[in-house]
Amino acid sequence: MKTLIIVAHPDLQSSRINRALAESMKGRPDTTVHVLYEVYPDKGIDITREQQLLDEHDRIIFQYPLYWYSTPPLLKQWFDEVLAYGWAYGPGGEHLQGKEIGIAISTAGTAASYQPGGFNLFTIRDIAKPMEALANYVSAHYLPPFAVHNANHITDEQIAESKAAYVQHLAAVRHVQTADLITINK
């Protein structure tokens, strides 16, 4: 299975956790790490190139920091432009059908803050429902989310644990509708 990891962090070099996660996947067999903000610093997305990358892979993982309960702006733009009518959905839009789609996100808050009654009121699974809906809309299989919490206060040891957990998650995760969320750094 060929995996495409689309990393969408506006300043990856200053992100200890997202940079570490991306680096842990580089050079792995059948894995492509594609860093959007490096490839498109001017925000001019090459739609044909992006669609070709998607066609070449069986599993797509969107890796990003949670921004106001959503994705960073360039990833939203990427969705709007790349997942086009007639390509990703609608008549002739079968390019993502049967593929696997998942997310790997980092949060500034603790895992406890992403629980019912916690500071953010909702679980990561709840907050990620738009991504699950996206996968459903393009007839792809949604994978359980991978999340690393408390990113602003993460230790080197926790980063090492997170990297190992990420590699393990991607090796073992399967699309099931009742799968549990993988949470790191509580």
N, C-alpha and C. Protein backbone atom coordinates (compact mmCIF):
# COMPACT_ATOMS: atom_id res chain seq x y z
N MET A 1 0.85 -1.18 0.00
CA MET A 1 0.00 0.00 0.00
C MET A 1 0.89 1.24 0.00
N LYS A 2 0.67 2.12 -0.96
CA LYS A 2 1.43 3.35 -1.05
C LYS A 2 0.71 4.45 -0.28
N THR A 3 1.46 5.12 0.60
CA THR A 3 0.90 6.16 1.47
C THR A 3 1.45 7.53 1.09
N LEU A 4 0.56 8.50 0.97
CA LEU A 4 0.91 9.89 0.74
C LEU A 4 0.57 10.67 2.00
N ILE A 5 1.59 11.29 2.59
CA ILE A 5 1.37 12.13 3.77
C ILE A 5 1.47 13.58 3.32
N ILE A 6 0.36 14.27 3.37
CA ILE A 6 0.30 15.68 2.98
C ILE A 6 0.43 16.51 4.25
N VAL A 7 1.58 17.14 4.41
CA VAL A 7 1.87 17.93 5.60
C VAL A 7 1.50 19.38 5.32
N ALA A 8 0.66 19.94 6.18
CA ALA A 8 0.21 21.32 5.99
C ALA A 8 0.44 22.10 7.28
N HIS A 9 1.67 22.53 7.46
CA HIS A 9 2.02 23.38 8.61
C HIS A 9 2.66 24.64 8.05
N PRO A 10 2.11 25.83 8.35
CA PRO A 10 2.63 27.08 7.78
C PRO A 10 4.09 27.38 8.12
N ASP A 11 4.60 26.82 9.22
CA ASP A 11 6.00 27.05 9.59
C ASP A 11 6.56 25.75 10.17
N LEU A 12 6.75 24.79 9.30
CA LEU A 12 7.15 23.46 9.74
C LEU A 12 8.47 23.47 10.50
N GLN A 13 9.38 24.33 10.13
CA GLN A 13 10.69 24.35 10.79
C GLN A 13 10.60 24.76 12.26
N SER A 14 9.56 25.52 12.62
CA SER A 14 9.42 25.92 14.03
C SER A 14 8.53 24.95 14.82
N SER A 15 7.95 23.99 14.13
CA SER A 15 7.08 23.02 14.80
C SER A 15 7.88 21.80 15.19
N ARG A 16 8.11 21.63 16.46
CA ARG A 16 8.88 20.46 16.91
C ARG A 16 8.15 19.17 16.59
N ILE A 17 6.85 19.11 16.86
CA ILE A 17 6.14 17.84 16.70
C ILE A 17 5.81 17.54 15.25
N ASN A 18 5.28 18.48 14.48
CA ASN A 18 4.94 18.18 13.09
C ASN A 18 6.18 17.90 12.25
N ARG A 19 7.24 18.63 12.52
CA ARG A 19 8.51 18.36 11.81
C ARG A 19 9.01 16.96 12.15
N ALA A 20 8.96 16.59 13.43
CA ALA A 20 9.43 15.27 13.86
C ALA A 20 8.58 14.16 13.25
N LEU A 21 7.27 14.34 13.24
CA LEU A 21 6.39 13.33 12.65
C LEU A 21 6.67 13.16 11.16
N ALA A 22 6.81 14.28 10.46
CA ALA A 22 7.08 14.21 9.01
C ALA A 22 8.43 13.53 8.76
N GLU A 23 9.45 13.91 9.54
CA GLU A 23 10.77 13.30 9.35
C GLU A 23 10.76 11.82 9.66
N SER A 24 9.92 11.39 10.59
CA SER A 24 9.86 9.96 10.93
C SER A 24 9.30 9.13 9.78
N MET A 25 8.60 9.76 8.86
CA MET A 25 8.00 9.03 7.73
C MET A 25 8.83 9.12 6.46
N LYS A 26 9.74 10.09 6.37
CA LYS A 26 10.57 10.22 5.17
C LYS A 26 11.46 9.00 5.02
N GLY A 27 11.56 8.52 3.81
CA GLY A 27 12.42 7.38 3.53
C GLY A 27 11.80 6.04 3.86
N ARG A 28 10.59 6.03 4.38
CA ARG A 28 9.92 4.75 4.66
C ARG A 28 9.44 4.16 3.33
N PRO A 29 9.46 2.85 3.23
CA PRO A 29 9.02 2.21 1.98
C PRO A 29 7.58 2.58 1.62
N ASP A 30 7.35 2.82 0.35
CA ASP A 30 6.02 3.12 -0.18
C ASP A 30 5.35 4.31 0.50
N THR A 31 6.16 5.28 0.96
CA THR A 31 5.62 6.46 1.63
C THR A 31 6.20 7.72 0.99
N THR A 32 5.32 8.65 0.66
CA THR A 32 5.72 9.94 0.12
C THR A 32 5.29 11.02 1.12
N VAL A 33 6.23 11.86 1.53
CA VAL A 33 5.92 13.00 2.41
C VAL A 33 5.92 14.24 1.53
N HIS A 34 4.79 14.91 1.50
CA HIS A 34 4.56 16.05 0.60
C HIS A 34 4.21 17.27 1.47
N VAL A 35 5.10 18.24 1.55
CA VAL A 35 4.95 19.38 2.44
C VAL A 35 4.39 20.56 1.64
N LEU A 36 3.12 20.84 1.81
CA LEU A 36 2.43 21.84 1.00
C LEU A 36 3.04 23.24 1.07
N TYR A 37 3.35 23.72 2.26
CA TYR A 37 3.85 25.09 2.38
C TYR A 37 5.25 25.25 1.80
N GLU A 38 6.00 24.16 1.67
CA GLU A 38 7.31 24.22 1.01
C GLU A 38 7.15 24.18 -0.51
N VAL A 39 6.23 23.36 -0.97
CA VAL A 39 6.01 23.21 -2.42
C VAL A 39 5.30 24.42 -3.00
N TYR A 40 4.40 25.03 -2.22
CA TYR A 40 3.60 26.15 -2.70
C TYR A 40 3.72 27.38 -1.79
N PRO A 41 4.91 27.96 -1.68
CA PRO A 41 5.05 29.14 -0.81
C PRO A 41 4.24 30.34 -1.30
N ASP A 42 3.93 30.35 -2.60
CA ASP A 42 3.13 31.44 -3.17
C ASP A 42 1.64 31.11 -3.19
N LYS A 43 1.27 29.94 -2.67
CA LYS A 43 -0.12 29.46 -2.57
C LYS A 43 -0.73 29.12 -3.93
N GLY A 44 0.08 29.07 -4.99
CA GLY A 44 -0.40 28.69 -6.32
C GLY A 44 -0.30 27.18 -6.50
N ILE A 45 -1.38 26.48 -6.25
CA ILE A 45 -1.37 25.01 -6.25
C ILE A 45 -1.44 24.47 -7.68
N ASP A 46 -0.56 23.52 -7.97
CA ASP A 46 -0.56 22.82 -9.26
C ASP A 46 -1.56 21.67 -9.14
N ILE A 47 -2.76 21.91 -9.58
CA ILE A 47 -3.86 20.95 -9.39
C ILE A 47 -3.56 19.62 -10.08
N THR A 48 -3.05 19.67 -11.30
CA THR A 48 -2.75 18.43 -12.03
C THR A 48 -1.72 17.60 -11.30
N ARG A 49 -0.67 18.24 -10.79
CA ARG A 49 0.37 17.53 -10.04
C ARG A 49 -0.21 16.88 -8.78
N GLU A 50 -1.04 17.63 -8.07
CA GLU A 50 -1.63 17.11 -6.83
C GLU A 50 -2.56 15.93 -7.12
N GLN A 51 -3.35 16.04 -8.16
CA GLN A 51 -4.25 14.94 -8.51
C GLN A 51 -3.47 13.70 -8.93
N GLN A 52 -2.36 13.91 -9.63
CA GLN A 52 -1.51 12.78 -10.02
C GLN A 52 -0.93 12.10 -8.79
N LEU A 53 -0.48 12.87 -7.80
CA LEU A 53 0.02 12.30 -6.55
C LEU A 53 -1.07 11.46 -5.87
N LEU A 54 -2.27 11.97 -5.83
CA LEU A 54 -3.37 11.22 -5.22
C LEU A 54 -3.64 9.93 -5.98
N ASP A 55 -3.62 10.00 -7.30
CA ASP A 55 -3.84 8.80 -8.12
C ASP A 55 -2.80 7.72 -7.85
N GLU A 56 -1.57 8.14 -7.54
CA GLU A 56 -0.45 7.20 -7.36
C GLU A 56 -0.42 6.54 -5.98
N HIS A 57 -1.28 6.94 -5.07
CA HIS A 57 -1.26 6.42 -3.71
C HIS A 57 -2.60 5.81 -3.31
N ASP A 58 -2.53 4.85 -2.40
CA ASP A 58 -3.73 4.15 -1.92
C ASP A 58 -4.27 4.75 -0.63
N ARG A 59 -3.38 5.36 0.13
CA ARG A 59 -3.74 5.93 1.43
C ARG A 59 -3.24 7.37 1.48
N ILE A 60 -4.11 8.27 1.92
CA ILE A 60 -3.75 9.69 2.03
C ILE A 60 -3.95 10.10 3.49
N ILE A 61 -2.87 10.63 4.07
CA ILE A 61 -2.91 11.13 5.45
C ILE A 61 -2.68 12.64 5.40
N PHE A 62 -3.59 13.39 5.97
CA PHE A 62 -3.42 14.84 6.08
C PHE A 62 -2.88 15.13 7.47
N GLN A 63 -1.66 15.66 7.52
CA GLN A 63 -1.00 15.96 8.79
C GLN A 63 -0.94 17.47 8.96
N TYR A 64 -1.49 17.95 10.09
CA TYR A 64 -1.55 19.40 10.28
C TYR A 64 -1.81 19.74 11.75
N PRO A 65 -1.48 20.98 12.13
CA PRO A 65 -1.87 21.45 13.47
C PRO A 65 -3.33 21.89 13.41
N LEU A 66 -4.05 21.65 14.47
CA LEU A 66 -5.45 22.07 14.53
C LEU A 66 -5.48 23.60 14.65
N TYR A 67 -6.13 24.24 13.69
CA TYR A 67 -6.27 25.70 13.64
C TYR A 67 -7.73 26.06 13.84
N TRP A 68 -8.06 26.67 14.95
CA TRP A 68 -9.44 27.07 15.21
C TRP A 68 -10.41 25.95 14.84
N TYR A 69 -10.09 24.74 15.28
CA TYR A 69 -10.94 23.56 15.09
C TYR A 69 -11.05 23.15 13.62
N SER A 70 -10.06 23.51 12.85
CA SER A 70 -10.08 23.21 11.42
C SER A 70 -8.65 23.02 10.92
N THR A 71 -8.48 23.15 9.62
CA THR A 71 -7.17 22.98 8.99
C THR A 71 -6.51 24.33 8.74
N PRO A 72 -5.20 24.36 8.54
CA PRO A 72 -4.54 25.59 8.12
C PRO A 72 -5.07 26.05 6.75
N PRO A 73 -4.95 27.34 6.43
CA PRO A 73 -5.56 27.89 5.22
C PRO A 73 -5.14 27.22 3.92
N LEU A 74 -3.88 26.89 3.75
CA LEU A 74 -3.44 26.30 2.48
C LEU A 74 -4.06 24.93 2.27
N LEU A 75 -4.28 24.17 3.33
CA LEU A 75 -4.92 22.87 3.17
C LEU A 75 -6.38 23.04 2.77
N LYS A 76 -7.07 24.01 3.33
CA LYS A 76 -8.45 24.29 2.92
C LYS A 76 -8.48 24.68 1.44
N GLN A 77 -7.55 25.52 1.02
CA GLN A 77 -7.46 25.90 -0.39
C GLN A 77 -7.19 24.67 -1.25
N TRP A 78 -6.30 23.81 -0.77
CA TRP A 78 -5.97 22.57 -1.49
C TRP A 78 -7.23 21.74 -1.70
N PHE A 79 -8.04 21.56 -0.64
CA PHE A 79 -9.29 20.81 -0.78
C PHE A 79 -10.18 21.45 -1.84
N ASP A 80 -10.34 22.76 -1.77
CA ASP A 80 -11.23 23.48 -2.68
C ASP A 80 -10.80 23.32 -4.14
N GLU A 81 -9.51 23.33 -4.39
CA GLU A 81 -9.01 23.31 -5.77
C GLU A 81 -8.73 21.91 -6.30
N VAL A 82 -8.17 21.05 -5.49
CA VAL A 82 -7.73 19.73 -5.96
C VAL A 82 -8.87 18.73 -6.01
N LEU A 83 -9.74 18.75 -5.05
CA LEU A 83 -10.84 17.79 -5.00
C LEU A 83 -12.02 18.32 -5.82
N ALA A 84 -11.80 18.38 -7.11
CA ALA A 84 -12.72 19.03 -8.03
C ALA A 84 -13.86 18.13 -8.47
N TYR A 85 -14.96 18.77 -8.80
CA TYR A 85 -16.11 18.10 -9.40
C TYR A 85 -15.66 17.44 -10.71
N GLY A 86 -16.07 16.20 -10.90
CA GLY A 86 -15.67 15.48 -12.10
C GLY A 86 -14.34 14.75 -11.94
N TRP A 87 -13.64 15.03 -10.84
CA TRP A 87 -12.40 14.31 -10.55
C TRP A 87 -12.52 13.55 -9.23
N ALA A 88 -12.91 14.24 -8.17
CA ALA A 88 -13.04 13.60 -6.85
C ALA A 88 -14.48 13.18 -6.55
N TYR A 89 -15.45 13.79 -7.18
CA TYR A 89 -16.85 13.48 -6.94
C TYR A 89 -17.66 13.89 -8.16
N GLY A 90 -18.91 13.49 -8.19
CA GLY A 90 -19.77 13.79 -9.33
C GLY A 90 -19.47 12.85 -10.49
N PRO A 91 -20.10 13.08 -11.64
CA PRO A 91 -19.86 12.22 -12.80
C PRO A 91 -18.37 12.19 -13.17
N GLY A 92 -17.81 11.01 -13.22
CA GLY A 92 -16.38 10.86 -13.53
C GLY A 92 -15.47 11.09 -12.34
N GLY A 93 -16.03 11.48 -11.23
CA GLY A 93 -15.24 11.79 -10.03
C GLY A 93 -15.00 10.60 -9.16
N GLU A 94 -14.26 9.64 -9.67
CA GLU A 94 -14.05 8.39 -8.95
C GLU A 94 -12.59 8.14 -8.57
N HIS A 95 -11.76 9.15 -8.63
CA HIS A 95 -10.33 8.96 -8.40
C HIS A 95 -9.98 8.58 -6.96
N LEU A 96 -10.79 8.97 -6.01
CA LEU A 96 -10.50 8.66 -4.60
C LEU A 96 -11.34 7.50 -4.07
N GLN A 97 -12.19 6.99 -4.91
CA GLN A 97 -13.08 5.89 -4.51
C GLN A 97 -12.28 4.68 -4.05
N GLY A 98 -12.57 4.20 -2.84
CA GLY A 98 -11.91 3.03 -2.29
C GLY A 98 -10.56 3.28 -1.64
N LYS A 99 -10.04 4.50 -1.76
CA LYS A 99 -8.77 4.83 -1.10
C LYS A 99 -9.03 5.05 0.39
N GLU A 100 -7.97 5.10 1.16
CA GLU A 100 -8.08 5.39 2.59
C GLU A 100 -7.64 6.82 2.84
N ILE A 101 -8.39 7.52 3.68
CA ILE A 101 -8.07 8.90 4.05
C ILE A 101 -8.07 8.98 5.57
N GLY A 102 -7.02 9.61 6.11
CA GLY A 102 -6.92 9.80 7.55
C GLY A 102 -6.26 11.12 7.87
N ILE A 103 -6.23 11.44 9.17
CA ILE A 103 -5.58 12.67 9.62
C ILE A 103 -4.62 12.36 10.75
N ALA A 104 -3.60 13.19 10.84
CA ALA A 104 -2.66 13.19 11.96
C ALA A 104 -2.54 14.64 12.37
N ILE A 105 -3.05 14.96 13.55
CA ILE A 105 -3.09 16.37 13.95
C ILE A 105 -2.38 16.59 15.28
N SER A 106 -1.96 17.82 15.45
CA SER A 106 -1.38 18.24 16.73
C SER A 106 -2.27 19.34 17.29
N THR A 107 -2.33 19.37 18.62
CA THR A 107 -3.12 20.41 19.30
C THR A 107 -2.26 21.07 20.38
N ALA A 108 -2.59 22.29 20.70
CA ALA A 108 -1.91 22.97 21.80
C ALA A 108 -2.50 22.53 23.13
N GLY A 109 -3.75 22.13 23.13
CA GLY A 109 -4.42 21.71 24.35
C GLY A 109 -4.09 20.29 24.75
N THR A 110 -4.41 19.97 25.97
CA THR A 110 -4.20 18.62 26.49
C THR A 110 -5.30 17.69 25.97
N ALA A 111 -5.06 16.39 26.08
CA ALA A 111 -6.08 15.42 25.69
C ALA A 111 -7.35 15.61 26.52
N ALA A 112 -7.18 15.93 27.79
CA ALA A 112 -8.35 16.13 28.67
C ALA A 112 -9.21 17.30 28.21
N SER A 113 -8.61 18.28 27.57
CA SER A 113 -9.38 19.43 27.11
C SER A 113 -10.23 19.09 25.88
N TYR A 114 -9.96 17.96 25.25
CA TYR A 114 -10.73 17.51 24.09
C TYR A 114 -11.63 16.33 24.47
N GLN A 115 -12.41 16.54 25.50
CA GLN A 115 -13.37 15.55 25.97
C GLN A 115 -14.68 16.28 26.26
N PRO A 116 -15.80 15.56 26.23
CA PRO A 116 -17.05 16.21 26.63
C PRO A 116 -16.89 16.81 28.02
N GLY A 117 -17.22 18.06 28.17
CA GLY A 117 -17.07 18.76 29.44
C GLY A 117 -15.70 19.37 29.62
N GLY A 118 -14.75 19.05 28.73
CA GLY A 118 -13.43 19.66 28.78
C GLY A 118 -13.46 21.07 28.21
N PHE A 119 -12.34 21.73 28.24
CA PHE A 119 -12.25 23.12 27.79
C PHE A 119 -12.78 23.30 26.37
N ASN A 120 -12.46 22.36 25.46
CA ASN A 120 -12.89 22.47 24.06
C ASN A 120 -14.23 21.80 23.78
N LEU A 121 -14.84 21.21 24.80
CA LEU A 121 -16.18 20.61 24.77
C LEU A 121 -16.31 19.32 23.96
N PHE A 122 -15.51 19.15 22.93
CA PHE A 122 -15.69 18.04 22.01
C PHE A 122 -14.43 17.19 21.92
N THR A 123 -14.61 15.95 21.50
CA THR A 123 -13.46 15.07 21.27
C THR A 123 -12.83 15.41 19.93
N ILE A 124 -11.61 14.94 19.73
CA ILE A 124 -10.96 15.10 18.43
C ILE A 124 -11.80 14.43 17.35
N ARG A 125 -12.35 13.28 17.66
CA ARG A 125 -13.20 12.58 16.68
C ARG A 125 -14.37 13.47 16.27
N ASP A 126 -14.97 14.17 17.23
CA ASP A 126 -16.07 15.09 16.91
C ASP A 126 -15.58 16.26 16.06
N ILE A 127 -14.47 16.85 16.45
CA ILE A 127 -13.93 18.00 15.74
C ILE A 127 -13.51 17.62 14.32
N ALA A 128 -13.10 16.37 14.14
CA ALA A 128 -12.64 15.89 12.83
C ALA A 128 -13.77 15.39 11.94
N LYS A 129 -15.01 15.52 12.36
CA LYS A 129 -16.14 15.05 11.55
C LYS A 129 -16.13 15.60 10.12
N PRO A 130 -15.76 16.86 9.88
CA PRO A 130 -15.70 17.32 8.48
C PRO A 130 -14.73 16.50 7.62
N MET A 131 -13.63 16.03 8.20
CA MET A 131 -12.71 15.20 7.43
C MET A 131 -13.33 13.84 7.15
N GLU A 132 -14.04 13.31 8.11
CA GLU A 132 -14.73 12.03 7.90
C GLU A 132 -15.81 12.19 6.83
N ALA A 133 -16.51 13.32 6.86
CA ALA A 133 -17.53 13.59 5.85
C ALA A 133 -16.90 13.74 4.47
N LEU A 134 -15.73 14.39 4.40
CA LEU A 134 -15.01 14.53 3.14
C LEU A 134 -14.69 13.15 2.56
N ALA A 135 -14.14 12.27 3.39
CA ALA A 135 -13.81 10.92 2.93
C ALA A 135 -15.06 10.21 2.42
N ASN A 136 -16.14 10.32 3.15
CA ASN A 136 -17.39 9.69 2.73
C ASN A 136 -17.87 10.26 1.40
N TYR A 137 -17.77 11.56 1.25
CA TYR A 137 -18.28 12.24 0.05
C TYR A 137 -17.55 11.79 -1.21
N VAL A 138 -16.25 11.50 -1.08
CA VAL A 138 -15.47 11.06 -2.25
C VAL A 138 -15.38 9.53 -2.32
N SER A 139 -16.19 8.85 -1.53
CA SER A 139 -16.27 7.38 -1.50
C SER A 139 -14.96 6.72 -1.09
N ALA A 140 -14.25 7.37 -0.17
CA ALA A 140 -13.02 6.80 0.40
C ALA A 140 -13.36 6.22 1.77
N HIS A 141 -12.42 5.47 2.31
CA HIS A 141 -12.58 4.89 3.64
C HIS A 141 -11.86 5.79 4.64
N TYR A 142 -12.53 6.15 5.71
CA TYR A 142 -11.93 7.03 6.72
C TYR A 142 -11.22 6.22 7.78
N LEU A 143 -10.01 6.65 8.11
CA LEU A 143 -9.20 6.00 9.14
C LEU A 143 -9.36 6.72 10.47
N PRO A 144 -9.19 6.02 11.58
CA PRO A 144 -9.24 6.69 12.87
C PRO A 144 -8.16 7.77 12.96
N PRO A 145 -8.49 8.93 13.54
CA PRO A 145 -7.51 10.01 13.66
C PRO A 145 -6.34 9.65 14.59
N PHE A 146 -5.21 10.26 14.31
CA PHE A 146 -4.03 10.20 15.17
C PHE A 146 -3.83 11.61 15.68
N ALA A 147 -3.69 11.79 16.99
CA ALA A 147 -3.53 13.13 17.56
C ALA A 147 -2.41 13.17 18.58
N VAL A 148 -1.65 14.24 18.53
CA VAL A 148 -0.63 14.52 19.55
C VAL A 148 -1.06 15.83 20.22
N HIS A 149 -1.26 15.75 21.52
CA HIS A 149 -1.75 16.90 22.28
C HIS A 149 -0.61 17.60 23.03
N ASN A 150 -0.94 18.81 23.51
CA ASN A 150 -0.03 19.59 24.34
C ASN A 150 1.28 19.89 23.61
N ALA A 151 1.17 20.15 22.32
CA ALA A 151 2.35 20.30 21.46
C ALA A 151 3.29 21.44 21.90
N ASN A 152 2.75 22.46 22.51
CA ASN A 152 3.61 23.58 22.93
C ASN A 152 4.46 23.26 24.15
N HIS A 153 4.15 22.16 24.83
CA HIS A 153 4.87 21.80 26.05
C HIS A 153 5.44 20.39 25.98
N ILE A 154 5.60 19.87 24.79
CA ILE A 154 6.03 18.49 24.60
C ILE A 154 7.53 18.35 24.86
N THR A 155 7.90 17.29 25.52
CA THR A 155 9.31 17.04 25.82
C THR A 155 9.95 16.23 24.69
N ASP A 156 11.26 16.18 24.68
CA ASP A 156 11.96 15.38 23.68
C ASP A 156 11.58 13.91 23.78
N GLU A 157 11.41 13.43 25.00
CA GLU A 157 11.01 12.04 25.19
C GLU A 157 9.61 11.79 24.62
N GLN A 158 8.70 12.73 24.84
CA GLN A 158 7.35 12.58 24.31
C GLN A 158 7.34 12.67 22.78
N ILE A 159 8.23 13.48 22.22
CA ILE A 159 8.34 13.54 20.76
C ILE A 159 8.79 12.19 20.22
N ALA A 160 9.79 11.59 20.86
CA ALA A 160 10.26 10.27 20.43
C ALA A 160 9.13 9.24 20.53
N GLU A 161 8.36 9.27 21.61
CA GLU A 161 7.23 8.36 21.76
C GLU A 161 6.17 8.62 20.69
N SER A 162 5.94 9.88 20.38
CA SER A 162 4.95 10.25 19.37
C SER A 162 5.35 9.76 17.99
N LYS A 163 6.63 9.91 17.67
CA LYS A 163 7.13 9.43 16.37
C LYS A 163 6.92 7.92 16.24
N ALA A 164 7.28 7.18 17.27
CA ALA A 164 7.12 5.72 17.25
C ALA A 164 5.64 5.35 17.15
N ALA A 165 4.80 6.06 17.87
CA ALA A 165 3.36 5.78 17.83
C ALA A 165 2.78 6.09 16.45
N TYR A 166 3.27 7.13 15.82
CA TYR A 166 2.80 7.52 14.47
C TYR A 166 3.16 6.43 13.46
N VAL A 167 4.40 5.99 13.50
CA VAL A 167 4.83 4.91 12.60
C VAL A 167 3.97 3.67 12.84
N GLN A 168 3.77 3.32 14.09
CA GLN A 168 2.95 2.16 14.44
C GLN A 168 1.50 2.34 13.99
N HIS A 169 0.97 3.52 14.21
CA HIS A 169 -0.41 3.82 13.81
C HIS A 169 -0.59 3.60 12.31
N LEU A 170 0.31 4.15 11.52
CA LEU A 170 0.17 4.04 10.07
C LEU A 170 0.39 2.61 9.59
N ALA A 171 1.17 1.84 10.33
CA ALA A 171 1.41 0.45 9.96
C ALA A 171 0.21 -0.43 10.30
N ALA A 172 -0.51 -0.08 11.35
CA ALA A 172 -1.55 -0.98 11.87
C ALA A 172 -2.98 -0.50 11.63
N VAL A 173 -3.18 0.78 11.39
CA VAL A 173 -4.55 1.32 11.33
C VAL A 173 -5.32 0.73 10.15
N ARG A 174 -6.56 0.47 10.41
CA ARG A 174 -7.48 -0.04 9.39
C ARG A 174 -8.76 0.77 9.48
N HIS A 175 -9.43 0.89 8.36
CA HIS A 175 -10.68 1.65 8.38
C HIS A 175 -11.79 0.78 8.94
N VAL A 176 -12.25 1.21 10.08
CA VAL A 176 -13.41 0.60 10.73
C VAL A 176 -14.24 1.74 11.30
N GLN A 177 -15.51 1.58 11.26
CA GLN A 177 -16.39 2.68 11.65
C GLN A 177 -16.41 2.97 13.14
N THR A 178 -16.04 2.01 13.97
CA THR A 178 -16.11 2.24 15.40
C THR A 178 -14.72 2.30 16.04
N ALA A 179 -13.69 2.57 15.24
CA ALA A 179 -12.32 2.58 15.76
C ALA A 179 -12.13 3.71 16.76
N ASP A 180 -11.24 3.47 17.69
CA ASP A 180 -10.92 4.47 18.69
C ASP A 180 -9.87 5.43 18.17
N LEU A 181 -9.88 6.61 18.70
CA LEU A 181 -8.89 7.63 18.42
C LEU A 181 -7.56 7.25 19.07
N ILE A 182 -6.47 7.45 18.36
CA ILE A 182 -5.14 7.24 18.93
C ILE A 182 -4.70 8.60 19.49
N THR A 183 -4.41 8.65 20.79
CA THR A 183 -4.05 9.91 21.44
C THR A 183 -2.68 9.76 22.10
N ILE A 184 -1.83 10.76 21.87
CA ILE A 184 -0.49 10.79 22.41
C ILE A 184 -0.31 12.05 23.26
N ASN A 185 0.48 11.95 24.30
CA ASN A 185 0.85 13.11 25.13
C ASN A 185 -0.37 13.70 25.84
N LYS A 186 -0.88 12.96 26.77
CA LYS A 186 -2.07 13.39 27.50
C LYS A 186 -1.73 14.51 28.44
